[in-house]
Amino acid sequence: MSEYLAAAGAEKVLAEKIETLRLEHGWSYGDLSELMERAGCPIERSSIQKIIKGNPPRKITVNELVAFASVFKISVERLLQPDLSPADRIREEHEIVLERVKDLMEYLGNLYGLAANARESLGSNPELWGALEDVENPRPSNPSDYPTWLAGRITRMQPTGDPRSYDGLGDNELGTPFPAETPEDARALMAIPRAVINQSVGVWGGNGDQGAWEPVSEVNGKESANG
């Protein structure tokens, strides 16, 4: 791999890409060094600086290449490529978003199935609640009300992951787990997970005896009366 990088002149491209991504994320060299260590590839801050600014530049090992890609959440191939044009980059980012949406919908489907199984088990065997209840979240009066009980637990869970793994995460005044400068920004971004949930299961129509599952329709950013 190192021979390929040298032969193809890719090490300069890689160093420039690392610096560009570091600046885009707003990370210092110390931040990037710490994230690399968490990714399982310790590297000193000064070594990263030598990769970017050294004369001659410090060479990058295969393990470091893989770790940099992991930290920046892109493929090794993408990390080795020159910067894309703005149009190509937004298309790539949009495609990544769509792929993550598909992943999330699949995870939600699995979640619904597992939760339904747990609800059935607890409804038919209430004594099993003894294995789950705690002081903060005691068992519900209805043994089969596992979804509501679980929702209570979820409201007390903290977001997972490294805050610096995403641009602006936790750095805004609103305290949202994503980049947002105003409440309007936050609400706009929260429309994405709501749409994923609605599309993955539909919304109960509630039209008399029709009882059909219907997707949410939105007009001017607001859910319709049937939503």
C-alpha atoms as a PDB file:
ATOM      1  CA  MET A   1       0.000   0.000   0.000  1.00  0.00           C
ATOM      2  CA  SER A   2       2.772   2.464   0.931  1.00  0.00           C
ATOM      3  CA  GLU A   3       4.553   1.683  -2.365  1.00  0.00           C
ATOM      4  CA  TYR A   4       1.339   2.394  -4.237  1.00  0.00           C
ATOM      5  CA  LEU A   5       0.870   5.691  -2.435  1.00  0.00           C
ATOM      6  CA  ALA A   6       4.396   6.804  -3.245  1.00  0.00           C
ATOM      7  CA  ALA A   7       4.247   5.643  -6.856  1.00  0.00           C
ATOM      8  CA  ALA A   8       0.900   7.273  -7.519  1.00  0.00           C
ATOM      9  CA  GLY A   9       1.795  10.496  -5.734  1.00  0.00           C
ATOM     10  CA  ALA A  10      -1.227   9.910  -3.533  1.00  0.00           C
ATOM     11  CA  GLU A  11       0.453  10.745  -0.247  1.00  0.00           C
ATOM     12  CA  LYS A  12       0.297  14.478  -1.028  1.00  0.00           C
ATOM     13  CA  VAL A  13      -3.374  14.144  -1.949  1.00  0.00           C
ATOM     14  CA  LEU A  14      -4.004  12.176   1.237  1.00  0.00           C
ATOM     15  CA  ALA A  15      -2.240  14.747   3.435  1.00  0.00           C
ATOM     16  CA  GLU A  16      -4.231  17.565   1.856  1.00  0.00           C
ATOM     17  CA  LYS A  17      -7.465  15.610   2.293  1.00  0.00           C
ATOM     18  CA  ILE A  18      -6.747  14.939   5.973  1.00  0.00           C
ATOM     19  CA  GLU A  19      -6.087  18.630   6.565  1.00  0.00           C
ATOM     20  CA  THR A  20      -9.236  19.664   4.697  1.00  0.00           C
ATOM     21  CA  LEU A  21     -11.399  17.243   6.655  1.00  0.00           C
ATOM     22  CA  ARG A  22      -9.789  18.247   9.943  1.00  0.00           C
ATOM     23  CA  LEU A  23     -10.604  21.906   9.311  1.00  0.00           C
ATOM     24  CA  GLU A  24     -14.134  21.101   8.158  1.00  0.00           C
ATOM     25  CA  HIS A  25     -14.783  19.268  11.423  1.00  0.00           C
ATOM     26  CA  GLY A  26     -13.270  22.079  13.448  1.00  0.00           C
ATOM     27  CA  TRP A  27     -10.787  19.731  15.139  1.00  0.00           C
ATOM     28  CA  SER A  28      -7.382  20.695  16.424  1.00  0.00           C
ATOM     29  CA  TYR A  29      -4.423  18.402  15.804  1.00  0.00           C
ATOM     30  CA  GLY A  30      -4.796  17.301  19.412  1.00  0.00           C
ATOM     31  CA  ASP A  31      -8.461  16.435  18.838  1.00  0.00           C
ATOM     32  CA  LEU A  32      -7.581  14.379  15.777  1.00  0.00           C
ATOM     33  CA  SER A  33      -4.797  12.614  17.667  1.00  0.00           C
ATOM     34  CA  GLU A  34      -7.220  11.653  20.436  1.00  0.00           C
ATOM     35  CA  LEU A  35      -9.807  10.381  17.959  1.00  0.00           C
ATOM     36  CA  MET A  36      -7.162   8.319  16.190  1.00  0.00           C
ATOM     37  CA  GLU A  37      -6.232   6.727  19.502  1.00  0.00           C
ATOM     38  CA  ARG A  38      -9.887   5.878  20.139  1.00  0.00           C
ATOM     39  CA  ALA A  39      -9.977   4.307  16.682  1.00  0.00           C
ATOM     40  CA  GLY A  40      -7.180   1.983  17.791  1.00  0.00           C
ATOM     41  CA  CYS A  41      -4.296   3.740  16.064  1.00  0.00           C
ATOM     42  CA  PRO A  42      -2.375   6.032  18.445  1.00  0.00           C
ATOM     43  CA  ILE A  43      -0.510   8.849  16.716  1.00  0.00           C
ATOM     44  CA  GLU A  44       1.026  11.947  18.294  1.00  0.00           C
ATOM     45  CA  ARG A  45      -0.234  15.416  17.422  1.00  0.00           C
ATOM     46  CA  SER A  46       3.230  16.340  16.180  1.00  0.00           C
ATOM     47  CA  SER A  47       3.217  13.325  13.850  1.00  0.00           C
ATOM     48  CA  ILE A  48      -0.041  14.471  12.279  1.00  0.00           C
ATOM     49  CA  GLN A  49       1.440  17.933  11.791  1.00  0.00           C
ATOM     50  CA  LYS A  50       4.474  16.374  10.092  1.00  0.00           C
ATOM     51  CA  ILE A  51       2.148  14.466   7.744  1.00  0.00           C
ATOM     52  CA  ILE A  52       0.509  17.743   6.752  1.00  0.00           C
ATOM     53  CA  LYS A  53       3.344  20.261   6.939  1.00  0.00           C
ATOM     54  CA  GLY A  54       6.577  18.293   7.180  1.00  0.00           C
ATOM     55  CA  ASN A  55       9.413  18.871   4.709  1.00  0.00           C
ATOM     56  CA  PRO A  56       9.788  16.142   3.768  1.00  0.00           C
ATOM     57  CA  PRO A  57       6.340  15.015   4.959  1.00  0.00           C
ATOM     58  CA  ARG A  58       6.012  12.064   7.283  1.00  0.00           C
ATOM     59  CA  LYS A  59       4.777   8.933   5.501  1.00  0.00           C
ATOM     60  CA  ILE A  60       1.450   7.384   6.462  1.00  0.00           C
ATOM     61  CA  THR A  61       1.232   3.717   7.436  1.00  0.00           C
ATOM     62  CA  VAL A  62      -1.523   1.406   6.262  1.00  0.00           C
ATOM     63  CA  ASN A  63      -3.001   1.227   9.772  1.00  0.00           C
ATOM     64  CA  GLU A  64      -3.050   5.031   9.980  1.00  0.00           C
ATOM     65  CA  LEU A  65      -4.726   5.270   6.589  1.00  0.00           C
ATOM     66  CA  VAL A  66      -7.516   2.936   7.705  1.00  0.00           C
ATOM     67  CA  ALA A  67      -7.887   4.761  11.029  1.00  0.00           C
ATOM     68  CA  PHE A  68      -8.077   8.188   9.384  1.00  0.00           C
ATOM     69  CA  ALA A  69     -10.848   6.897   7.115  1.00  0.00           C
ATOM     70  CA  SER A  70     -12.689   5.517  10.153  1.00  0.00           C
ATOM     71  CA  VAL A  71     -12.382   8.780  12.101  1.00  0.00           C
ATOM     72  CA  PHE A  72     -13.626  10.863   9.174  1.00  0.00           C
ATOM     73  CA  LYS A  73     -16.316   8.256   8.404  1.00  0.00           C
ATOM     74  CA  ILE A  74     -15.434   7.832   4.748  1.00  0.00           C
ATOM     75  CA  SER A  75     -13.981   4.946   2.750  1.00  0.00           C
ATOM     76  CA  VAL A  76     -10.246   4.520   2.247  1.00  0.00           C
ATOM     77  CA  GLU A  77     -10.797   4.908  -1.499  1.00  0.00           C
ATOM     78  CA  ARG A  78     -12.604   8.207  -0.978  1.00  0.00           C
ATOM     79  CA  LEU A  79      -9.867   9.437   1.343  1.00  0.00           C
ATOM     80  CA  LEU A  80      -7.290   8.814  -1.390  1.00  0.00           C
ATOM     81  CA  GLN A  81      -9.232  10.703  -4.037  1.00  0.00           C
ATOM     82  CA  PRO A  82      -8.742  14.416  -4.787  1.00  0.00           C
ATOM     83  CA  ASP A  83     -11.455  16.778  -3.577  1.00  0.00           C
ATOM     84  CA  LEU A  84     -14.709  16.625  -5.502  1.00  0.00           C
ATOM     85  CA  SER A  85     -16.386  19.594  -7.109  1.00  0.00           C
ATOM     86  CA  PRO A  86     -19.145  21.180  -4.981  1.00  0.00           C
ATOM     87  CA  ALA A  87     -21.821  19.591  -7.205  1.00  0.00           C
ATOM     88  CA  ASP A  88     -20.253  16.123  -7.027  1.00  0.00           C
ATOM     89  CA  ARG A  89     -19.742  16.439  -3.293  1.00  0.00           C
ATOM     90  CA  ILE A  90     -23.358  17.369  -2.516  1.00  0.00           C
ATOM     91  CA  ARG A  91     -24.533  14.465  -4.672  1.00  0.00           C
ATOM     92  CA  GLU A  92     -22.249  12.108  -2.749  1.00  0.00           C
ATOM     93  CA  GLU A  93     -23.389  13.471   0.620  1.00  0.00           C
ATOM     94  CA  HIS A  94     -27.032  13.106  -0.405  1.00  0.00           C
ATOM     95  CA  GLU A  95     -26.479   9.507  -1.487  1.00  0.00           C
ATOM     96  CA  ILE A  96     -24.858   8.753   1.868  1.00  0.00           C
ATOM     97  CA  VAL A  97     -27.854  10.281   3.669  1.00  0.00           C
ATOM     98  CA  LEU A  98     -30.239   8.080   1.674  1.00  0.00           C
ATOM     99  CA  GLU A  99     -28.195   4.976   2.455  1.00  0.00           C
ATOM    100  CA  ARG A 100     -28.268   5.827   6.181  1.00  0.00           C
ATOM    101  CA  VAL A 101     -32.035   6.310   5.964  1.00  0.00           C
ATOM    102  CA  LYS A 102     -32.405   2.838   4.462  1.00  0.00           C
ATOM    103  CA  ASP A 103     -30.236   1.413   7.244  1.00  0.00           C
ATOM    104  CA  LEU A 104     -32.329   3.187   9.871  1.00  0.00           C
ATOM    105  CA  MET A 105     -35.579   1.881   8.409  1.00  0.00           C
ATOM    106  CA  GLU A 106     -34.182  -1.653   8.512  1.00  0.00           C
ATOM    107  CA  TYR A 107     -33.077  -1.208  12.133  1.00  0.00           C
ATOM    108  CA  LEU A 108     -36.517   0.143  13.036  1.00  0.00           C
ATOM    109  CA  GLY A 109     -38.184  -2.873  11.473  1.00  0.00           C
ATOM    110  CA  ASN A 110     -36.050  -5.161  13.624  1.00  0.00           C
ATOM    111  CA  LEU A 111     -36.762  -3.019  16.681  1.00  0.00           C
ATOM    112  CA  TYR A 112     -40.527  -3.199  16.192  1.00  0.00           C
ATOM    113  CA  GLY A 113     -40.378  -6.967  15.844  1.00  0.00           C
ATOM    114  CA  LEU A 114     -38.266  -7.447  18.962  1.00  0.00           C
ATOM    115  CA  ALA A 115     -40.460  -5.086  20.983  1.00  0.00           C
ATOM    116  CA  ALA A 116     -43.601  -6.911  19.835  1.00  0.00           C
ATOM    117  CA  ASN A 117     -42.113 -10.230  20.952  1.00  0.00           C
ATOM    118  CA  ALA A 118     -41.188  -8.784  24.346  1.00  0.00           C
ATOM    119  CA  ARG A 119     -44.678  -7.326  24.779  1.00  0.00           C
ATOM    120  CA  GLU A 120     -46.267 -10.693  24.013  1.00  0.00           C
ATOM    121  CA  SER A 121     -43.974 -12.518  26.433  1.00  0.00           C
ATOM    122  CA  LEU A 122     -44.574 -10.051  29.271  1.00  0.00           C
ATOM    123  CA  GLY A 123     -48.317  -9.977  28.634  1.00  0.00           C
ATOM    124  CA  SER A 124     -48.647 -13.743  28.894  1.00  0.00           C
ATOM    125  CA  ASN A 125     -46.079 -14.129  31.693  1.00  0.00           C
ATOM    126  CA  PRO A 126     -46.340 -11.047  33.985  1.00  0.00           C
ATOM    127  CA  GLU A 127     -43.913 -12.597  36.460  1.00  0.00           C
ATOM    128  CA  LEU A 128     -41.147 -11.916  33.921  1.00  0.00           C
ATOM    129  CA  TRP A 129     -41.443  -8.198  34.703  1.00  0.00           C
ATOM    130  CA  GLY A 130     -39.416  -8.905  37.826  1.00  0.00           C
ATOM    131  CA  ALA A 131     -36.360  -9.302  35.618  1.00  0.00           C
ATOM    132  CA  LEU A 132     -36.796  -5.810  34.103  1.00  0.00           C
ATOM    133  CA  GLU A 133     -38.335  -3.390  36.580  1.00  0.00           C
ATOM    134  CA  ASP A 134     -36.206  -0.925  38.520  1.00  0.00           C
ATOM    135  CA  VAL A 135     -36.775   1.897  40.988  1.00  0.00           C
ATOM    136  CA  GLU A 136     -36.934   4.598  38.303  1.00  0.00           C
ATOM    137  CA  ASN A 137     -39.119   2.627  35.938  1.00  0.00           C
ATOM    138  CA  PRO A 138     -41.419   0.174  37.750  1.00  0.00           C
ATOM    139  CA  ARG A 139     -43.613  -2.272  35.874  1.00  0.00           C
ATOM    140  CA  PRO A 140     -46.807  -0.835  34.345  1.00  0.00           C
ATOM    141  CA  SER A 141     -50.281  -1.686  35.625  1.00  0.00           C
ATOM    142  CA  ASN A 142     -50.989  -3.429  32.319  1.00  0.00           C
ATOM    143  CA  PRO A 143     -48.479  -6.296  31.921  1.00  0.00           C
ATOM    144  CA  SER A 144     -48.572  -5.994  28.119  1.00  0.00           C
ATOM    145  CA  ASP A 145     -47.799  -2.257  28.102  1.00  0.00           C
ATOM    146  CA  TYR A 146     -44.145  -2.855  27.307  1.00  0.00           C
ATOM    147  CA  PRO A 147     -43.909  -0.120  24.594  1.00  0.00           C
ATOM    148  CA  THR A 148     -44.933   2.663  26.996  1.00  0.00           C
ATOM    149  CA  TRP A 149     -42.623   1.289  29.683  1.00  0.00           C
ATOM    150  CA  LEU A 150     -39.757   1.160  27.192  1.00  0.00           C
ATOM    151  CA  ALA A 151     -40.494   4.716  26.058  1.00  0.00           C
ATOM    152  CA  GLY A 152     -40.007   5.842  29.640  1.00  0.00           C
ATOM    153  CA  ARG A 153     -36.593   4.235  29.714  1.00  0.00           C
ATOM    154  CA  ILE A 154     -35.646   5.799  26.384  1.00  0.00           C
ATOM    155  CA  THR A 155     -36.410   9.318  27.619  1.00  0.00           C
ATOM    156  CA  ARG A 156     -33.662   8.927  30.204  1.00  0.00           C
ATOM    157  CA  MET A 157     -31.039   7.528  27.828  1.00  0.00           C
ATOM    158  CA  GLN A 158     -28.137   9.685  26.715  1.00  0.00           C
ATOM    159  CA  PRO A 159     -27.045   9.952  23.054  1.00  0.00           C
ATOM    160  CA  THR A 160     -24.233   7.534  22.259  1.00  0.00           C
ATOM    161  CA  GLY A 161     -21.093   8.066  20.225  1.00  0.00           C
ATOM    162  CA  ASP A 162     -18.243  10.539  20.333  1.00  0.00           C
ATOM    163  CA  PRO A 163     -19.622  14.107  20.204  1.00  0.00           C
ATOM    164  CA  ARG A 164     -16.779  15.192  17.936  1.00  0.00           C
ATOM    165  CA  SER A 165     -17.531  12.514  15.378  1.00  0.00           C
ATOM    166  CA  TYR A 166     -20.113  14.810  13.802  1.00  0.00           C
ATOM    167  CA  ASP A 167     -19.823  18.459  12.850  1.00  0.00           C
ATOM    168  CA  GLY A 168     -21.094  20.737  15.603  1.00  0.00           C
ATOM    169  CA  LEU A 169     -22.492  17.988  17.777  1.00  0.00           C
ATOM    170  CA  GLY A 170     -23.132  19.399  21.248  1.00  0.00           C
ATOM    171  CA  ASP A 171     -21.341  22.657  20.416  1.00  0.00           C
ATOM    172  CA  ASN A 172     -24.443  24.794  19.871  1.00  0.00           C
ATOM    173  CA  GLU A 173     -26.323  26.894  22.399  1.00  0.00           C
ATOM    174  CA  LEU A 174     -29.493  24.836  21.952  1.00  0.00           C
ATOM    175  CA  GLY A 175     -27.719  21.710  23.206  1.00  0.00           C
ATOM    176  CA  THR A 176     -29.090  19.590  20.349  1.00  0.00           C
ATOM    177  CA  PRO A 177     -27.178  16.417  19.361  1.00  0.00           C
ATOM    178  CA  PHE A 178     -26.709  17.829  15.852  1.00  0.00           C
ATOM    179  CA  PRO A 179     -25.663  21.158  14.289  1.00  0.00           C
ATOM    180  CA  ALA A 180     -28.404  23.753  14.829  1.00  0.00           C
ATOM    181  CA  GLU A 181     -28.163  27.492  15.438  1.00  0.00           C
ATOM    182  CA  THR A 182     -31.861  28.238  15.894  1.00  0.00           C
ATOM    183  CA  PRO A 183     -34.965  26.341  17.058  1.00  0.00           C
ATOM    184  CA  GLU A 184     -36.156  26.474  13.453  1.00  0.00           C
ATOM    185  CA  ASP A 185     -32.975  24.689  12.339  1.00  0.00           C
ATOM    186  CA  ALA A 186     -33.530  22.020  14.979  1.00  0.00           C
ATOM    187  CA  ARG A 187     -37.172  21.464  14.019  1.00  0.00           C
ATOM    188  CA  ALA A 188     -36.256  21.232  10.339  1.00  0.00           C
ATOM    189  CA  LEU A 189     -33.656  18.534  11.003  1.00  0.00           C
ATOM    190  CA  MET A 190     -35.975  16.637  13.333  1.00  0.00           C
ATOM    191  CA  ALA A 191     -38.384  16.280  10.410  1.00  0.00           C
ATOM    192  CA  ILE A 192     -35.991  13.679   8.997  1.00  0.00           C
ATOM    193  CA  PRO A 193     -36.299  11.030  11.760  1.00  0.00           C
ATOM    194  CA  ARG A 194     -40.053  11.686  11.981  1.00  0.00           C
ATOM    195  CA  ALA A 195     -40.381  11.010   8.265  1.00  0.00           C
ATOM    196  CA  VAL A 196     -38.298   7.834   8.584  1.00  0.00           C
ATOM    197  CA  ILE A 197     -40.503   6.544  11.400  1.00  0.00           C
ATOM    198  CA  ASN A 198     -43.721   7.453   9.596  1.00  0.00           C
ATOM    199  CA  GLN A 199     -42.578   5.885   6.355  1.00  0.00           C
ATOM    200  CA  SER A 200     -41.398   2.711   8.069  1.00  0.00           C
ATOM    201  CA  VAL A 201     -44.697   1.949   9.821  1.00  0.00           C
ATOM    202  CA  GLY A 202     -47.302   4.363   8.465  1.00  0.00           C
ATOM    203  CA  VAL A 203     -49.740   6.356  10.592  1.00  0.00           C
ATOM    204  CA  TRP A 204     -53.155   5.089  11.739  1.00  0.00           C
ATOM    205  CA  GLY A 205     -55.759   6.828   9.612  1.00  0.00           C
ATOM    206  CA  GLY A 206     -58.478   6.978  12.236  1.00  0.00           C
ATOM    207  CA  ASN A 207     -61.212   7.536   9.631  1.00  0.00           C
ATOM    208  CA  GLY A 208     -64.197   5.824  11.184  1.00  0.00           C
ATOM    209  CA  ASP A 209     -64.082   2.087  10.637  1.00  0.00           C
ATOM    210  CA  GLN A 210     -61.622   2.332   7.797  1.00  0.00           C
ATOM    211  CA  GLY A 211     -58.666   1.559  10.059  1.00  0.00           C
ATOM    212  CA  ALA A 212     -56.105   1.794   7.267  1.00  0.00           C
ATOM    213  CA  TRP A 213     -52.417   2.452   7.660  1.00  0.00           C
ATOM    214  CA  GLU A 214     -51.605   5.640   5.792  1.00  0.00           C
ATOM    215  CA  PRO A 215     -48.317   7.503   5.266  1.00  0.00           C
ATOM    216  CA  VAL A 216     -48.102  10.992   6.661  1.00  0.00           C
ATOM    217  CA  SER A 217     -48.729  13.710   4.103  1.00  0.00           C
ATOM    218  CA  GLU A 218     -47.251  17.110   4.692  1.00  0.00           C
ATOM    219  CA  VAL A 219     -48.435  20.489   3.461  1.00  0.00           C
ATOM    220  CA  ASN A 220     -46.131  23.469   3.982  1.00  0.00           C
ATOM    221  CA  GLY A 221     -44.089  21.436   6.428  1.00  0.00           C
ATOM    222  CA  LYS A 222     -47.065  20.542   8.632  1.00  0.00           C
ATOM    223  CA  GLU A 223     -48.695  17.144   9.034  1.00  0.00           C
ATOM    224  CA  SER A 224     -52.163  16.823   7.604  1.00  0.00           C
ATOM    225  CA  ALA A 225     -55.198  16.421   9.821  1.00  0.00           C
ATOM    226  CA  ASN A 226     -55.177  12.695   9.101  1.00  0.00           C
ATOM    227  CA  GLY A 227     -51.590  12.358  10.368  1.00  0.00           C
END
